[in-house]
């Protein structure tokens, strides 16, 4: 499956990390949008998005709250959790809330790309 045309939103409060990730994904054919916190993420999903790559720990509104709100208003959006924090209980909670994948930082860019492809395949099956 080609990555072309997949609308990705990257949400992470670590600006350097998320900007670098956006650049690396752009080099692979994606044109991701970026949000640096929960409120920005919720504003960004008012425009079409296929996949959200979401950090869990952010100031103000954590990733779980963003996940809950996104799935309530846009259940078709696939959410991949990408976090440097969290263990098995956070992973279980994320899946229970509707996340399609749970990745830990640091991750390999090819693993993320593969997960994005998988999320879009799963979305097409719905």
N, C-alpha and C. Protein backbone atom coordinates (compact mmCIF):
# COMPACT_ATOMS: atom_id res chain seq x y z
N UNK A 1 0.84 -1.18 0.00
CA UNK A 1 0.00 0.00 0.00
C UNK A 1 0.88 1.24 0.00
N UNK A 2 0.59 2.16 -0.90
CA UNK A 2 1.33 3.41 -1.01
C UNK A 2 0.94 4.34 0.14
N UNK A 3 1.88 5.17 0.52
CA UNK A 3 1.62 6.16 1.54
C UNK A 3 1.01 7.44 0.96
N UNK A 4 1.07 7.56 -0.36
CA UNK A 4 0.58 8.76 -1.02
C UNK A 4 -0.90 8.99 -0.71
N UNK A 5 -1.21 10.19 -0.34
CA UNK A 5 -2.60 10.54 -0.06
C UNK A 5 -3.07 10.28 1.35
N UNK A 6 -2.25 9.62 2.17
CA UNK A 6 -2.63 9.37 3.56
C UNK A 6 -2.44 10.66 4.35
N UNK A 7 -3.49 11.08 5.00
CA UNK A 7 -3.45 12.32 5.78
C UNK A 7 -3.11 11.98 7.23
N UNK A 8 -1.91 12.42 7.64
CA UNK A 8 -1.38 12.08 8.97
C UNK A 8 -1.24 13.34 9.81
N UNK A 9 -1.66 13.23 11.06
CA UNK A 9 -1.47 14.29 12.04
C UNK A 9 -0.54 13.76 13.12
N UNK A 10 0.56 14.47 13.36
CA UNK A 10 1.51 14.12 14.41
C UNK A 10 1.26 15.03 15.60
N UNK A 11 1.08 14.44 16.79
CA UNK A 11 0.78 15.22 17.98
C UNK A 11 1.78 14.87 19.08
N UNK A 12 2.61 15.85 19.42
CA UNK A 12 3.63 15.64 20.46
C UNK A 12 4.08 17.01 20.95
N UNK A 13 4.24 17.17 22.25
CA UNK A 13 4.67 18.46 22.79
C UNK A 13 6.18 18.67 22.69
N UNK A 14 6.93 17.64 22.34
CA UNK A 14 8.37 17.78 22.14
C UNK A 14 8.59 18.29 20.72
N UNK A 15 8.72 19.61 20.59
CA UNK A 15 8.76 20.26 19.27
C UNK A 15 9.86 19.70 18.37
N UNK A 16 11.04 19.57 18.90
CA UNK A 16 12.15 19.08 18.06
C UNK A 16 11.86 17.67 17.55
N UNK A 17 11.35 16.82 18.43
CA UNK A 17 11.03 15.45 18.03
C UNK A 17 9.98 15.42 16.92
N UNK A 18 8.86 16.13 17.12
CA UNK A 18 7.76 16.07 16.17
C UNK A 18 8.12 16.72 14.85
N UNK A 19 8.90 17.79 14.88
CA UNK A 19 9.32 18.43 13.63
C UNK A 19 10.28 17.52 12.85
N UNK A 20 11.19 16.86 13.56
CA UNK A 20 12.11 15.91 12.92
C UNK A 20 11.33 14.74 12.34
N UNK A 21 10.37 14.23 13.10
CA UNK A 21 9.54 13.12 12.61
C UNK A 21 8.77 13.54 11.37
N UNK A 22 8.20 14.73 11.38
CA UNK A 22 7.46 15.22 10.20
C UNK A 22 8.38 15.29 8.99
N UNK A 23 9.59 15.76 9.19
CA UNK A 23 10.55 15.84 8.10
C UNK A 23 10.89 14.45 7.54
N UNK A 24 11.11 13.51 8.44
CA UNK A 24 11.44 12.14 8.01
C UNK A 24 10.28 11.49 7.26
N UNK A 25 9.05 11.74 7.72
CA UNK A 25 7.89 11.19 7.02
C UNK A 25 7.71 11.86 5.66
N UNK A 26 8.00 13.15 5.59
CA UNK A 26 7.91 13.87 4.32
C UNK A 26 8.88 13.29 3.29
N UNK A 27 10.05 12.88 3.75
CA UNK A 27 11.03 12.28 2.85
C UNK A 27 10.55 10.93 2.32
N UNK A 28 9.55 10.34 2.98
CA UNK A 28 9.00 9.05 2.56
C UNK A 28 7.69 9.20 1.80
N UNK A 29 7.32 10.44 1.45
CA UNK A 29 6.14 10.64 0.62
C UNK A 29 4.89 11.13 1.33
N UNK A 30 4.93 11.23 2.64
CA UNK A 30 3.78 11.75 3.38
C UNK A 30 3.89 13.26 3.52
N UNK A 31 2.77 13.90 3.76
CA UNK A 31 2.77 15.33 4.05
C UNK A 31 2.01 15.51 5.37
N UNK A 32 2.70 15.24 6.48
CA UNK A 32 2.01 15.28 7.77
C UNK A 32 1.77 16.71 8.24
N UNK A 33 0.71 16.85 9.02
CA UNK A 33 0.46 18.07 9.77
C UNK A 33 0.94 17.82 11.19
N UNK A 34 1.20 18.91 11.92
CA UNK A 34 1.76 18.80 13.26
C UNK A 34 0.91 19.60 14.24
N UNK A 35 0.70 19.02 15.43
CA UNK A 35 0.10 19.72 16.56
C UNK A 35 1.00 19.49 17.77
N UNK A 36 1.10 20.49 18.62
CA UNK A 36 2.02 20.40 19.76
C UNK A 36 1.33 20.16 21.09
N UNK A 37 0.00 20.07 21.08
CA UNK A 37 -0.71 19.78 22.33
C UNK A 37 -2.12 19.30 21.99
N UNK A 38 -2.84 18.91 23.02
CA UNK A 38 -4.18 18.37 22.83
C UNK A 38 -5.15 19.32 22.15
N UNK A 39 -5.27 20.57 22.63
CA UNK A 39 -6.19 21.49 21.97
C UNK A 39 -5.87 21.71 20.48
N UNK A 40 -4.58 21.82 20.16
CA UNK A 40 -4.20 21.96 18.74
C UNK A 40 -4.61 20.72 17.95
N UNK A 41 -4.46 19.55 18.56
CA UNK A 41 -4.84 18.30 17.89
C UNK A 41 -6.33 18.29 17.59
N UNK A 42 -7.14 18.68 18.57
CA UNK A 42 -8.59 18.68 18.37
C UNK A 42 -9.01 19.70 17.32
N UNK A 43 -8.31 20.82 17.27
CA UNK A 43 -8.57 21.81 16.22
C UNK A 43 -8.18 21.24 14.85
N UNK A 44 -7.05 20.54 14.80
CA UNK A 44 -6.55 19.99 13.53
C UNK A 44 -7.48 18.92 12.96
N UNK A 45 -8.17 18.17 13.80
CA UNK A 45 -9.04 17.11 13.28
C UNK A 45 -10.38 17.64 12.78
N UNK A 46 -10.56 18.95 12.82
CA UNK A 46 -11.74 19.51 12.16
C UNK A 46 -11.56 19.47 10.65
N UNK A 47 -10.32 19.29 10.19
CA UNK A 47 -10.03 19.05 8.77
C UNK A 47 -9.76 17.55 8.62
N UNK A 48 -10.00 16.99 7.44
CA UNK A 48 -9.86 15.54 7.28
C UNK A 48 -8.47 15.01 7.66
N UNK A 49 -8.48 13.90 8.36
CA UNK A 49 -7.27 13.20 8.76
C UNK A 49 -7.58 11.70 8.76
N UNK A 50 -6.62 10.90 8.31
CA UNK A 50 -6.78 9.45 8.29
C UNK A 50 -6.18 8.79 9.51
N UNK A 51 -4.99 9.26 9.90
CA UNK A 51 -4.23 8.65 10.99
C UNK A 51 -3.66 9.75 11.88
N UNK A 52 -3.79 9.54 13.18
CA UNK A 52 -3.15 10.42 14.16
C UNK A 52 -2.07 9.61 14.86
N UNK A 53 -0.87 10.18 14.92
CA UNK A 53 0.23 9.61 15.71
C UNK A 53 0.31 10.49 16.94
N UNK A 54 -0.03 9.90 18.10
CA UNK A 54 -0.33 10.68 19.30
C UNK A 54 0.54 10.29 20.49
N UNK A 55 1.15 11.30 21.10
CA UNK A 55 1.88 11.09 22.35
C UNK A 55 0.88 11.03 23.50
N UNK A 56 1.23 10.35 24.57
CA UNK A 56 0.34 10.27 25.73
C UNK A 56 0.53 11.41 26.71
N UNK A 57 1.76 11.77 26.98
CA UNK A 57 2.02 12.78 28.01
C UNK A 57 2.27 14.13 27.37
N UNK A 58 1.31 15.01 27.58
CA UNK A 58 1.41 16.38 27.10
C UNK A 58 0.79 17.28 28.17
N UNK A 59 1.27 18.50 28.29
CA UNK A 59 0.69 19.40 29.29
C UNK A 59 -0.73 19.81 28.90
N UNK A 60 -1.54 20.05 29.91
CA UNK A 60 -2.89 20.54 29.67
C UNK A 60 -3.89 19.45 29.39
N UNK A 61 -3.73 18.76 28.30
CA UNK A 61 -4.65 17.69 27.89
C UNK A 61 -3.79 16.50 27.45
N UNK A 62 -3.88 15.40 28.17
CA UNK A 62 -3.03 14.26 27.81
C UNK A 62 -3.58 13.50 26.60
N UNK A 63 -2.79 12.59 26.10
CA UNK A 63 -3.16 11.82 24.92
C UNK A 63 -4.41 10.98 25.08
N UNK A 64 -4.65 10.48 26.29
CA UNK A 64 -5.87 9.69 26.51
C UNK A 64 -7.11 10.55 26.31
N UNK A 65 -7.07 11.78 26.79
CA UNK A 65 -8.21 12.68 26.62
C UNK A 65 -8.41 13.03 25.14
N UNK A 66 -7.31 13.26 24.44
CA UNK A 66 -7.40 13.52 22.99
C UNK A 66 -7.98 12.30 22.29
N UNK A 67 -7.49 11.12 22.62
CA UNK A 67 -7.99 9.88 22.02
C UNK A 67 -9.49 9.73 22.26
N UNK A 68 -9.92 9.94 23.47
CA UNK A 68 -11.34 9.82 23.81
C UNK A 68 -12.18 10.77 22.97
N UNK A 69 -11.76 12.02 22.89
CA UNK A 69 -12.53 13.02 22.16
C UNK A 69 -12.52 12.77 20.65
N UNK A 70 -11.38 12.37 20.12
CA UNK A 70 -11.29 12.09 18.68
C UNK A 70 -12.19 10.92 18.32
N UNK A 71 -12.12 9.84 19.09
CA UNK A 71 -12.92 8.66 18.77
C UNK A 71 -14.42 8.93 18.95
N UNK A 72 -14.78 9.83 19.87
CA UNK A 72 -16.19 10.17 20.06
C UNK A 72 -16.73 10.96 18.87
N UNK A 73 -15.91 11.83 18.30
CA UNK A 73 -16.38 12.68 17.21
C UNK A 73 -16.02 12.14 15.82
N UNK A 74 -14.95 11.38 15.72
CA UNK A 74 -14.47 10.85 14.43
C UNK A 74 -14.03 9.39 14.59
N UNK A 75 -14.95 8.47 14.81
CA UNK A 75 -14.55 7.09 15.11
C UNK A 75 -13.75 6.40 13.99
N UNK A 76 -13.85 6.91 12.77
CA UNK A 76 -13.14 6.29 11.65
C UNK A 76 -11.65 6.65 11.64
N UNK A 77 -11.25 7.70 12.36
CA UNK A 77 -9.84 8.09 12.40
C UNK A 77 -9.05 7.04 13.17
N UNK A 78 -7.95 6.59 12.58
CA UNK A 78 -7.08 5.61 13.22
C UNK A 78 -6.07 6.35 14.08
N UNK A 79 -5.87 5.89 15.32
CA UNK A 79 -4.96 6.55 16.25
C UNK A 79 -3.86 5.57 16.64
N UNK A 80 -2.63 6.01 16.39
CA UNK A 80 -1.44 5.26 16.79
C UNK A 80 -0.82 6.01 17.96
N UNK A 81 -0.68 5.34 19.08
CA UNK A 81 0.00 5.94 20.22
C UNK A 81 1.49 5.75 20.02
N UNK A 82 2.24 6.85 20.15
CA UNK A 82 3.70 6.81 20.07
C UNK A 82 4.21 7.58 21.28
N UNK A 83 4.73 6.86 22.26
CA UNK A 83 5.09 7.49 23.53
C UNK A 83 6.40 6.96 24.08
N UNK A 84 7.04 7.79 24.85
CA UNK A 84 8.24 7.38 25.58
C UNK A 84 7.91 6.95 26.99
N UNK A 85 6.64 7.05 27.33
CA UNK A 85 6.18 6.72 28.69
C UNK A 85 5.09 5.67 28.60
N UNK A 86 4.91 5.01 29.67
CA UNK A 86 3.79 4.08 29.72
C UNK A 86 4.24 2.63 29.61
N UNK A 87 3.49 1.82 30.29
CA UNK A 87 3.75 0.40 30.30
C UNK A 87 2.53 -0.35 29.81
N UNK A 88 2.41 -1.57 30.30
CA UNK A 88 1.32 -2.44 29.85
C UNK A 88 -0.06 -1.88 30.16
N UNK A 89 -0.22 -1.25 31.32
CA UNK A 89 -1.56 -0.76 31.66
C UNK A 89 -1.96 0.40 30.75
N UNK A 90 -1.02 1.28 30.39
CA UNK A 90 -1.33 2.36 29.46
C UNK A 90 -1.63 1.81 28.08
N UNK A 91 -0.89 0.78 27.68
CA UNK A 91 -1.14 0.15 26.39
C UNK A 91 -2.54 -0.46 26.36
N UNK A 92 -2.90 -1.20 27.40
CA UNK A 92 -4.24 -1.80 27.47
C UNK A 92 -5.33 -0.73 27.43
N UNK A 93 -5.13 0.36 28.17
CA UNK A 93 -6.10 1.45 28.18
C UNK A 93 -6.24 2.06 26.80
N UNK A 94 -5.13 2.29 26.13
CA UNK A 94 -5.17 2.88 24.79
C UNK A 94 -5.95 1.99 23.82
N UNK A 95 -5.70 0.70 23.84
CA UNK A 95 -6.45 -0.21 22.95
C UNK A 95 -7.93 -0.23 23.31
N UNK A 96 -8.22 -0.25 24.59
CA UNK A 96 -9.61 -0.25 25.04
C UNK A 96 -10.34 1.02 24.58
N UNK A 97 -9.62 2.12 24.51
CA UNK A 97 -10.20 3.40 24.10
C UNK A 97 -10.28 3.56 22.58
N UNK A 98 -9.71 2.61 21.84
CA UNK A 98 -9.85 2.66 20.39
C UNK A 98 -8.58 2.88 19.59
N UNK A 99 -7.42 2.95 20.25
CA UNK A 99 -6.17 3.07 19.50
C UNK A 99 -5.96 1.81 18.67
N UNK A 100 -5.37 1.96 17.50
CA UNK A 100 -5.12 0.79 16.66
C UNK A 100 -3.72 0.23 16.83
N UNK A 101 -2.82 1.01 17.46
CA UNK A 101 -1.46 0.54 17.69
C UNK A 101 -0.84 1.33 18.83
N UNK A 102 0.17 0.74 19.45
CA UNK A 102 0.88 1.36 20.57
C UNK A 102 2.36 1.15 20.34
N UNK A 103 3.08 2.21 20.04
CA UNK A 103 4.52 2.15 19.80
C UNK A 103 5.25 2.94 20.86
N UNK A 104 6.46 2.52 21.15
CA UNK A 104 7.27 3.21 22.16
C UNK A 104 8.44 3.91 21.48
N UNK A 105 8.75 5.12 21.98
CA UNK A 105 9.93 5.85 21.52
C UNK A 105 11.16 5.25 22.19
N UNK A 106 12.28 5.25 21.56
CA UNK A 106 12.46 5.58 20.16
C UNK A 106 12.00 4.42 19.29
N UNK A 107 11.47 4.74 18.13
CA UNK A 107 11.02 3.70 17.21
C UNK A 107 11.73 3.89 15.89
N UNK A 108 11.77 2.84 15.13
CA UNK A 108 12.36 2.87 13.81
C UNK A 108 11.34 3.50 12.85
N UNK A 109 11.78 4.39 11.98
CA UNK A 109 10.86 5.07 11.06
C UNK A 109 10.13 4.06 10.17
N UNK A 110 10.79 2.99 9.79
CA UNK A 110 10.12 1.97 8.97
C UNK A 110 9.01 1.27 9.75
N UNK A 111 9.21 1.09 11.05
CA UNK A 111 8.15 0.50 11.88
C UNK A 111 6.94 1.42 11.93
N UNK A 112 7.18 2.72 12.06
CA UNK A 112 6.06 3.67 12.07
C UNK A 112 5.35 3.67 10.72
N UNK A 113 6.09 3.69 9.64
CA UNK A 113 5.47 3.68 8.31
C UNK A 113 4.64 2.43 8.10
N UNK A 114 5.15 1.30 8.52
CA UNK A 114 4.42 0.04 8.42
C UNK A 114 3.14 0.09 9.24
N UNK A 115 3.21 0.70 10.43
CA UNK A 115 2.04 0.81 11.30
C UNK A 115 1.00 1.75 10.68
N UNK A 116 1.45 2.82 10.05
CA UNK A 116 0.54 3.74 9.37
C UNK A 116 -0.17 3.01 8.23
N UNK A 117 0.58 2.25 7.44
CA UNK A 117 -0.03 1.46 6.36
C UNK A 117 -1.08 0.50 6.91
N UNK A 118 -0.72 -0.21 7.99
CA UNK A 118 -1.63 -1.17 8.61
C UNK A 118 -2.91 -0.47 9.08
N UNK A 119 -2.75 0.69 9.68
CA UNK A 119 -3.91 1.44 10.17
C UNK A 119 -4.84 1.81 9.01
N UNK A 120 -4.27 2.20 7.89
CA UNK A 120 -5.10 2.56 6.73
C UNK A 120 -5.77 1.34 6.11
N UNK A 121 -5.10 0.22 6.10
CA UNK A 121 -5.72 -1.03 5.62
C UNK A 121 -6.89 -1.40 6.51
N UNK A 122 -6.67 -1.30 7.83
CA UNK A 122 -7.74 -1.63 8.78
C UNK A 122 -8.92 -0.68 8.62
N UNK A 123 -8.63 0.58 8.37
CA UNK A 123 -9.70 1.56 8.19
C UNK A 123 -10.52 1.22 6.94
N UNK A 124 -9.85 0.79 5.88
CA UNK A 124 -10.54 0.46 4.63
C UNK A 124 -11.48 -0.73 4.81
N UNK A 125 -11.16 -1.61 5.77
CA UNK A 125 -11.99 -2.80 6.02
C UNK A 125 -13.27 -2.47 6.77
N UNK A 126 -13.29 -1.32 7.45
CA UNK A 126 -14.45 -0.96 8.28
C UNK A 126 -15.65 -0.59 7.43
